[in-house]
């Protein structure tokens, strides 16, 4: 149950969100597969991180950034 205040995600949760988003973007999955609900105050930050990482990882954005991939 939500208290109305955002919970700060742990480092591990942030890393997992980024990893999931990168994998989804590279596999060509639609952004609707985001596993975090932006309406849930406890998941808002993770949803934002996921979507931002997904967009940054899309092939068209990687090419615009010089084609460099993170290891």
PDB file of N, CA and C in Angstrom:
ATOM      1  N   UNK A   1       0.837  -1.172   0.000  1.00  0.00           N
ATOM      2  CA  UNK A   1       0.000   0.000   0.000  1.00  0.00           C
ATOM      3  C   UNK A   1       0.881   1.233   0.000  1.00  0.00           C
ATOM      4  N   UNK A   2       0.510   2.204  -0.779  1.00  0.00           N
ATOM      5  CA  UNK A   2       1.323   3.391  -0.968  1.00  0.00           C
ATOM      6  C   UNK A   2       0.994   4.460   0.067  1.00  0.00           C
ATOM      7  N   UNK A   3       2.027   5.156   0.530  1.00  0.00           N
ATOM      8  CA  UNK A   3       1.838   6.202   1.527  1.00  0.00           C
ATOM      9  C   UNK A   3       1.761   7.582   0.897  1.00  0.00           C
ATOM     10  N   UNK A   4       1.984   7.688  -0.414  1.00  0.00           N
ATOM     11  CA  UNK A   4       1.974   8.970  -1.086  1.00  0.00           C
ATOM     12  C   UNK A   4       3.348   9.578  -1.201  1.00  0.00           C
ATOM     13  N   UNK A   5       4.337   9.009  -0.533  1.00  0.00           N
ATOM     14  CA  UNK A   5       5.708   9.482  -0.634  1.00  0.00           C
ATOM     15  C   UNK A   5       6.512   8.475  -1.439  1.00  0.00           C
ATOM     16  N   UNK A   6       7.398   9.006  -2.272  1.00  0.00           N
ATOM     17  CA  UNK A   6       8.227   8.123  -3.080  1.00  0.00           C
ATOM     18  C   UNK A   6       9.278   7.435  -2.231  1.00  0.00           C
ATOM     19  N   UNK A   7       9.456   6.160  -2.523  1.00  0.00           N
ATOM     20  CA  UNK A   7      10.522   5.388  -1.912  1.00  0.00           C
ATOM     21  C   UNK A   7      11.732   5.528  -2.814  1.00  0.00           C
ATOM     22  N   UNK A   8      12.889   5.747  -2.240  1.00  0.00           N
ATOM     23  CA  UNK A   8      14.107   5.863  -3.020  1.00  0.00           C
ATOM     24  C   UNK A   8      14.582   4.470  -3.417  1.00  0.00           C
ATOM     25  N   UNK A   9      14.727   4.231  -4.743  1.00  0.00           N
ATOM     26  CA  UNK A   9      15.180   2.910  -5.187  1.00  0.00           C
ATOM     27  C   UNK A   9      16.624   2.644  -4.756  1.00  0.00           C
ATOM     28  N   UNK A  10      16.923   1.383  -4.538  1.00  0.00           N
ATOM     29  CA  UNK A  10      18.286   1.006  -4.194  1.00  0.00           C
ATOM     30  C   UNK A  10      19.144   1.016  -5.459  1.00  0.00           C
ATOM     31  N   UNK A  11      20.445   0.998  -5.281  1.00  0.00           N
ATOM     32  CA  UNK A  11      21.365   0.940  -6.416  1.00  0.00           C
ATOM     33  C   UNK A  11      21.103  -0.302  -7.241  1.00  0.00           C
ATOM     34  N   UNK A  12      20.856  -1.415  -6.589  1.00  0.00           N
ATOM     35  CA  UNK A  12      20.599  -2.666  -7.295  1.00  0.00           C
ATOM     36  C   UNK A  12      19.330  -2.568  -8.144  1.00  0.00           C
ATOM     37  N   UNK A  13      18.303  -1.926  -7.625  1.00  0.00           N
ATOM     38  CA  UNK A  13      17.064  -1.764  -8.381  1.00  0.00           C
ATOM     39  C   UNK A  13      17.285  -0.877  -9.614  1.00  0.00           C
ATOM     40  N   UNK A  14      18.073   0.176  -9.455  1.00  0.00           N
ATOM     41  CA  UNK A  14      18.367   1.063 -10.583  1.00  0.00           C
ATOM     42  C   UNK A  14      19.170   0.338 -11.662  1.00  0.00           C
ATOM     43  N   UNK A  15      20.149  -0.447 -11.242  1.00  0.00           N
ATOM     44  CA  UNK A  15      20.953  -1.227 -12.192  1.00  0.00           C
ATOM     45  C   UNK A  15      20.059  -2.228 -12.929  1.00  0.00           C
ATOM     46  N   UNK A  16      19.172  -2.883 -12.206  1.00  0.00           N
ATOM     47  CA  UNK A  16      18.270  -3.861 -12.819  1.00  0.00           C
ATOM     48  C   UNK A  16      17.326  -3.187 -13.814  1.00  0.00           C
ATOM     49  N   UNK A  17      16.828  -2.000 -13.485  1.00  0.00           N
ATOM     50  CA  UNK A  17      15.939  -1.273 -14.395  1.00  0.00           C
ATOM     51  C   UNK A  17      16.674  -0.908 -15.677  1.00  0.00           C
ATOM     52  N   UNK A  18      17.909  -0.436 -15.543  1.00  0.00           N
ATOM     53  CA  UNK A  18      18.695  -0.076 -16.728  1.00  0.00           C
ATOM     54  C   UNK A  18      18.998  -1.312 -17.587  1.00  0.00           C
ATOM     55  N   UNK A  19      19.373  -2.395 -16.942  1.00  0.00           N
ATOM     56  CA  UNK A  19      19.688  -3.633 -17.667  1.00  0.00           C
ATOM     57  C   UNK A  19      18.454  -4.123 -18.426  1.00  0.00           C
ATOM     58  N   UNK A  20      17.305  -4.109 -17.776  1.00  0.00           N
ATOM     59  CA  UNK A  20      16.065  -4.559 -18.396  1.00  0.00           C
ATOM     60  C   UNK A  20      15.713  -3.682 -19.601  1.00  0.00           C
ATOM     61  N   UNK A  21      15.859  -2.388 -19.455  1.00  0.00           N
ATOM     62  CA  UNK A  21      15.521  -1.468 -20.543  1.00  0.00           C
ATOM     63  C   UNK A  21      16.452  -1.655 -21.734  1.00  0.00           C
ATOM     64  N   UNK A  22      17.738  -1.817 -21.472  1.00  0.00           N
ATOM     65  CA  UNK A  22      18.705  -2.026 -22.557  1.00  0.00           C
ATOM     66  C   UNK A  22      18.381  -3.306 -23.316  1.00  0.00           C
ATOM     67  N   UNK A  23      18.071  -4.362 -22.592  1.00  0.00           N
ATOM     68  CA  UNK A  23      17.748  -5.634 -23.229  1.00  0.00           C
ATOM     69  C   UNK A  23      16.484  -5.494 -24.073  1.00  0.00           C
ATOM     70  N   UNK A  24      15.463  -4.845 -23.533  1.00  0.00           N
ATOM     71  CA  UNK A  24      14.212  -4.675 -24.270  1.00  0.00           C
ATOM     72  C   UNK A  24      14.425  -3.872 -25.543  1.00  0.00           C
ATOM     73  N   UNK A  25      15.196  -2.790 -25.456  1.00  0.00           N
ATOM     74  CA  UNK A  25      15.442  -1.953 -26.636  1.00  0.00           C
ATOM     75  C   UNK A  25      16.228  -2.715 -27.694  1.00  0.00           C
ATOM     76  N   UNK A  26      17.224  -3.459 -27.277  1.00  0.00           N
ATOM     77  CA  UNK A  26      18.055  -4.201 -28.237  1.00  0.00           C
ATOM     78  C   UNK A  26      17.299  -5.352 -28.893  1.00  0.00           C
ATOM     79  N   UNK A  27      16.311  -5.892 -28.184  1.00  0.00           N
ATOM     80  CA  UNK A  27      15.498  -6.968 -28.741  1.00  0.00           C
ATOM     81  C   UNK A  27      14.340  -6.444 -29.580  1.00  0.00           C
ATOM     82  N   UNK A  28      14.161  -5.128 -29.594  1.00  0.00           N
ATOM     83  CA  UNK A  28      13.089  -4.534 -30.381  1.00  0.00           C
ATOM     84  C   UNK A  28      11.734  -4.579 -29.721  1.00  0.00           C
ATOM     85  N   UNK A  29      11.690  -4.783 -28.434  1.00  0.00           N
ATOM     86  CA  UNK A  29      10.421  -4.821 -27.712  1.00  0.00           C
ATOM     87  C   UNK A  29       9.811  -3.417 -27.652  1.00  0.00           C
ATOM     88  N   UNK A  30       8.485  -3.308 -27.654  1.00  0.00           N
ATOM     89  CA  UNK A  30       7.856  -1.998 -27.556  1.00  0.00           C
ATOM     90  C   UNK A  30       8.026  -1.421 -26.142  1.00  0.00           C
ATOM     91  N   UNK A  31       7.989  -0.087 -26.015  1.00  0.00           N
ATOM     92  CA  UNK A  31       8.171   0.516 -24.691  1.00  0.00           C
ATOM     93  C   UNK A  31       7.094   0.119 -23.687  1.00  0.00           C
ATOM     94  N   UNK A  32       5.977  -0.385 -24.168  1.00  0.00           N
ATOM     95  CA  UNK A  32       4.902  -0.810 -23.279  1.00  0.00           C
ATOM     96  C   UNK A  32       5.261  -2.000 -22.410  1.00  0.00           C
ATOM     97  N   UNK A  33       6.423  -2.612 -22.644  1.00  0.00           N
ATOM     98  CA  UNK A  33       6.821  -3.757 -21.823  1.00  0.00           C
ATOM     99  C   UNK A  33       7.497  -3.321 -20.517  1.00  0.00           C
ATOM    100  N   UNK A  34       7.582  -2.030 -20.290  1.00  0.00           N
ATOM    101  CA  UNK A  34       8.190  -1.527 -19.048  1.00  0.00           C
ATOM    102  C   UNK A  34       7.554  -2.225 -17.850  1.00  0.00           C
ATOM    103  N   UNK A  35       8.367  -2.874 -17.019  1.00  0.00           N
ATOM    104  CA  UNK A  35       7.807  -3.635 -15.896  1.00  0.00           C
ATOM    105  C   UNK A  35       7.407  -2.772 -14.694  1.00  0.00           C
ATOM    106  N   UNK A  36       7.632  -1.477 -14.786  1.00  0.00           N
ATOM    107  CA  UNK A  36       7.339  -0.584 -13.663  1.00  0.00           C
ATOM    108  C   UNK A  36       6.127   0.277 -13.983  1.00  0.00           C
ATOM    109  N   UNK A  37       5.284   0.486 -13.004  1.00  0.00           N
ATOM    110  CA  UNK A  37       4.058   1.264 -13.181  1.00  0.00           C
ATOM    111  C   UNK A  37       4.301   2.713 -12.758  1.00  0.00           C
ATOM    112  N   UNK A  38       4.291   3.651 -13.705  1.00  0.00           N
ATOM    113  CA  UNK A  38       4.551   5.044 -13.347  1.00  0.00           C
ATOM    114  C   UNK A  38       3.461   5.668 -12.475  1.00  0.00           C
ATOM    115  N   UNK A  39       2.318   5.012 -12.369  1.00  0.00           N
ATOM    116  CA  UNK A  39       1.247   5.520 -11.503  1.00  0.00           C
ATOM    117  C   UNK A  39       1.470   5.144 -10.043  1.00  0.00           C
ATOM    118  N   UNK A  40       2.332   4.172  -9.807  1.00  0.00           N
ATOM    119  CA  UNK A  40       2.650   3.727  -8.448  1.00  0.00           C
ATOM    120  C   UNK A  40       3.787   4.592  -7.923  1.00  0.00           C
ATOM    121  N   UNK A  41       3.548   5.341  -6.846  1.00  0.00           N
ATOM    122  CA  UNK A  41       4.571   6.268  -6.355  1.00  0.00           C
ATOM    123  C   UNK A  41       5.863   5.557  -5.981  1.00  0.00           C
ATOM    124  N   UNK A  42       5.793   4.292  -5.600  1.00  0.00           N
ATOM    125  CA  UNK A  42       6.998   3.547  -5.252  1.00  0.00           C
ATOM    126  C   UNK A  42       7.798   3.118  -6.484  1.00  0.00           C
ATOM    127  N   UNK A  43       7.173   3.141  -7.663  1.00  0.00           N
ATOM    128  CA  UNK A  43       7.846   2.701  -8.883  1.00  0.00           C
ATOM    129  C   UNK A  43       8.089   3.830  -9.877  1.00  0.00           C
ATOM    130  N   UNK A  44       7.680   5.051  -9.553  1.00  0.00           N
ATOM    131  CA  UNK A  44       7.806   6.161 -10.502  1.00  0.00           C
ATOM    132  C   UNK A  44       9.247   6.402 -10.939  1.00  0.00           C
ATOM    133  N   UNK A  45      10.164   6.420 -10.004  1.00  0.00           N
ATOM    134  CA  UNK A  45      11.564   6.672 -10.351  1.00  0.00           C
ATOM    135  C   UNK A  45      12.109   5.552 -11.225  1.00  0.00           C
ATOM    136  N   UNK A  46      11.792   4.311 -10.879  1.00  0.00           N
ATOM    137  CA  UNK A  46      12.258   3.175 -11.680  1.00  0.00           C
ATOM    138  C   UNK A  46      11.653   3.211 -13.084  1.00  0.00           C
ATOM    139  N   UNK A  47      10.396   3.590 -13.197  1.00  0.00           N
ATOM    140  CA  UNK A  47       9.760   3.694 -14.513  1.00  0.00           C
ATOM    141  C   UNK A  47      10.440   4.775 -15.348  1.00  0.00           C
ATOM    142  N   UNK A  48      10.761   5.893 -14.736  1.00  0.00           N
ATOM    143  CA  UNK A  48      11.430   6.988 -15.440  1.00  0.00           C
ATOM    144  C   UNK A  48      12.811   6.561 -15.914  1.00  0.00           C
ATOM    145  N   UNK A  49      13.564   5.910 -15.041  1.00  0.00           N
ATOM    146  CA  UNK A  49      14.900   5.420 -15.401  1.00  0.00           C
ATOM    147  C   UNK A  49      14.791   4.396 -16.525  1.00  0.00           C
ATOM    148  N   UNK A  50      13.817   3.501 -16.438  1.00  0.00           N
ATOM    149  CA  UNK A  50      13.651   2.462 -17.451  1.00  0.00           C
ATOM    150  C   UNK A  50      13.382   3.084 -18.812  1.00  0.00           C
ATOM    151  N   UNK A  51      12.417   4.013 -18.878  1.00  0.00           N
ATOM    152  CA  UNK A  51      12.051   4.620 -20.155  1.00  0.00           C
ATOM    153  C   UNK A  51      13.209   5.433 -20.732  1.00  0.00           C
ATOM    154  N   UNK A  52      13.889   6.207 -19.903  1.00  0.00           N
ATOM    155  CA  UNK A  52      15.021   7.003 -20.381  1.00  0.00           C
ATOM    156  C   UNK A  52      16.138   6.110 -20.924  1.00  0.00           C
ATOM    157  N   UNK A  53      16.427   5.032 -20.228  1.00  0.00           N
ATOM    158  CA  UNK A  53      17.467   4.104 -20.683  1.00  0.00           C
ATOM    159  C   UNK A  53      17.032   3.401 -21.963  1.00  0.00           C
ATOM    160  N   UNK A  54      15.767   3.022 -22.024  1.00  0.00           N
ATOM    161  CA  UNK A  54      15.225   2.372 -23.232  1.00  0.00           C
ATOM    162  C   UNK A  54      15.415   3.283 -24.438  1.00  0.00           C
ATOM    163  N   UNK A  55      15.004   4.535 -24.321  1.00  0.00           N
ATOM    164  CA  UNK A  55      15.105   5.482 -25.432  1.00  0.00           C
ATOM    165  C   UNK A  55      16.558   5.713 -25.815  1.00  0.00           C
ATOM    166  N   UNK A  56      17.427   5.845 -24.835  1.00  0.00           N
ATOM    167  CA  UNK A  56      18.850   6.055 -25.112  1.00  0.00           C
ATOM    168  C   UNK A  56      19.499   4.852 -25.794  1.00  0.00           C
ATOM    169  N   UNK A  57      18.941   3.669 -25.592  1.00  0.00           N
ATOM    170  CA  UNK A  57      19.533   2.442 -26.116  1.00  0.00           C
ATOM    171  C   UNK A  57      18.997   2.065 -27.487  1.00  0.00           C
ATOM    172  N   UNK A  58      17.915   2.680 -27.915  1.00  0.00           N
ATOM    173  CA  UNK A  58      17.370   2.359 -29.235  1.00  0.00           C
ATOM    174  C   UNK A  58      18.453   2.534 -30.288  1.00  0.00           C
ATOM    175  N   UNK A  59      18.493   1.647 -31.279  1.00  0.00           N
ATOM    176  CA  UNK A  59      19.544   1.709 -32.296  1.00  0.00           C
ATOM    177  C   UNK A  59      19.696   3.080 -32.951  1.00  0.00           C
ATOM    178  N   UNK A  60      18.610   3.773 -33.215  1.00  0.00           N
ATOM    179  CA  UNK A  60      18.707   5.086 -33.855  1.00  0.00           C
ATOM    180  C   UNK A  60      19.403   6.091 -32.945  1.00  0.00           C
ATOM    181  N   UNK A  61      19.221   5.984 -31.642  1.00  0.00           N
ATOM    182  CA  UNK A  61      19.874   6.900 -30.710  1.00  0.00           C
ATOM    183  C   UNK A  61      21.340   6.543 -30.518  1.00  0.00           C
ATOM    184  N   UNK A  62      21.667   5.262 -30.547  1.00  0.00           N
ATOM    185  CA  UNK A  62      23.068   4.859 -30.422  1.00  0.00           C
ATOM    186  C   UNK A  62      23.859   5.319 -31.638  1.00  0.00           C
ATOM    187  N   UNK A  63      23.248   5.240 -32.816  1.00  0.00           N
ATOM    188  CA  UNK A  63      23.927   5.690 -34.031  1.00  0.00           C
ATOM    189  C   UNK A  63      24.148   7.196 -33.983  1.00  0.00           C
ATOM    190  N   UNK A  64      23.171   7.935 -33.481  1.00  0.00           N
ATOM    191  CA  UNK A  64      23.297   9.393 -33.379  1.00  0.00           C
ATOM    192  C   UNK A  64      24.379   9.785 -32.383  1.00  0.00           C
ATOM    193  N   UNK A  65      24.620   8.921 -31.408  1.00  0.00           N
ATOM    194  CA  UNK A  65      25.634   9.205 -30.386  1.00  0.00           C
ATOM    195  C   UNK A  65      27.002   8.689 -30.803  1.00  0.00           C
ATOM    196  N   UNK A  66      27.150   8.291 -32.027  1.00  0.00           N
ATOM    197  CA  UNK A  66      28.452   7.812 -32.500  1.00  0.00           C
ATOM    198  C   UNK A  66      28.587   6.304 -32.498  1.00  0.00           C
ATOM    199  N   UNK A  67      27.490   5.604 -32.233  1.00  0.00           N
ATOM    200  CA  UNK A  67      27.506   4.147 -32.287  1.00  0.00           C
ATOM    201  C   UNK A  67      28.239   3.491 -31.150  1.00  0.00           C
ATOM    202  N   UNK A  68      28.484   4.219 -30.084  1.00  0.00           N
ATOM    203  CA  UNK A  68      29.212   3.641 -28.960  1.00  0.00           C
ATOM    204  C   UNK A  68      28.229   2.984 -28.022  1.00  0.00           C
ATOM    205  N   UNK A  69      28.541   1.758 -27.640  1.00  0.00           N
ATOM    206  CA  UNK A  69      27.730   1.014 -26.694  1.00  0.00           C
ATOM    207  C   UNK A  69      28.460   0.897 -25.373  1.00  0.00           C
ATOM    208  N   UNK A  70      27.675   0.852 -24.305  1.00  0.00           N
ATOM    209  CA  UNK A  70      28.260   0.615 -22.998  1.00  0.00           C
ATOM    210  C   UNK A  70      28.531  -0.868 -22.846  1.00  0.00           C
ATOM    211  N   UNK A  71      29.539  -1.181 -22.108  1.00  0.00           N
ATOM    212  CA  UNK A  71      29.885  -2.591 -21.863  1.00  0.00           C
ATOM    213  C   UNK A  71      28.988  -3.177 -20.813  1.00  0.00           C
TER     214      UNK A  71
END
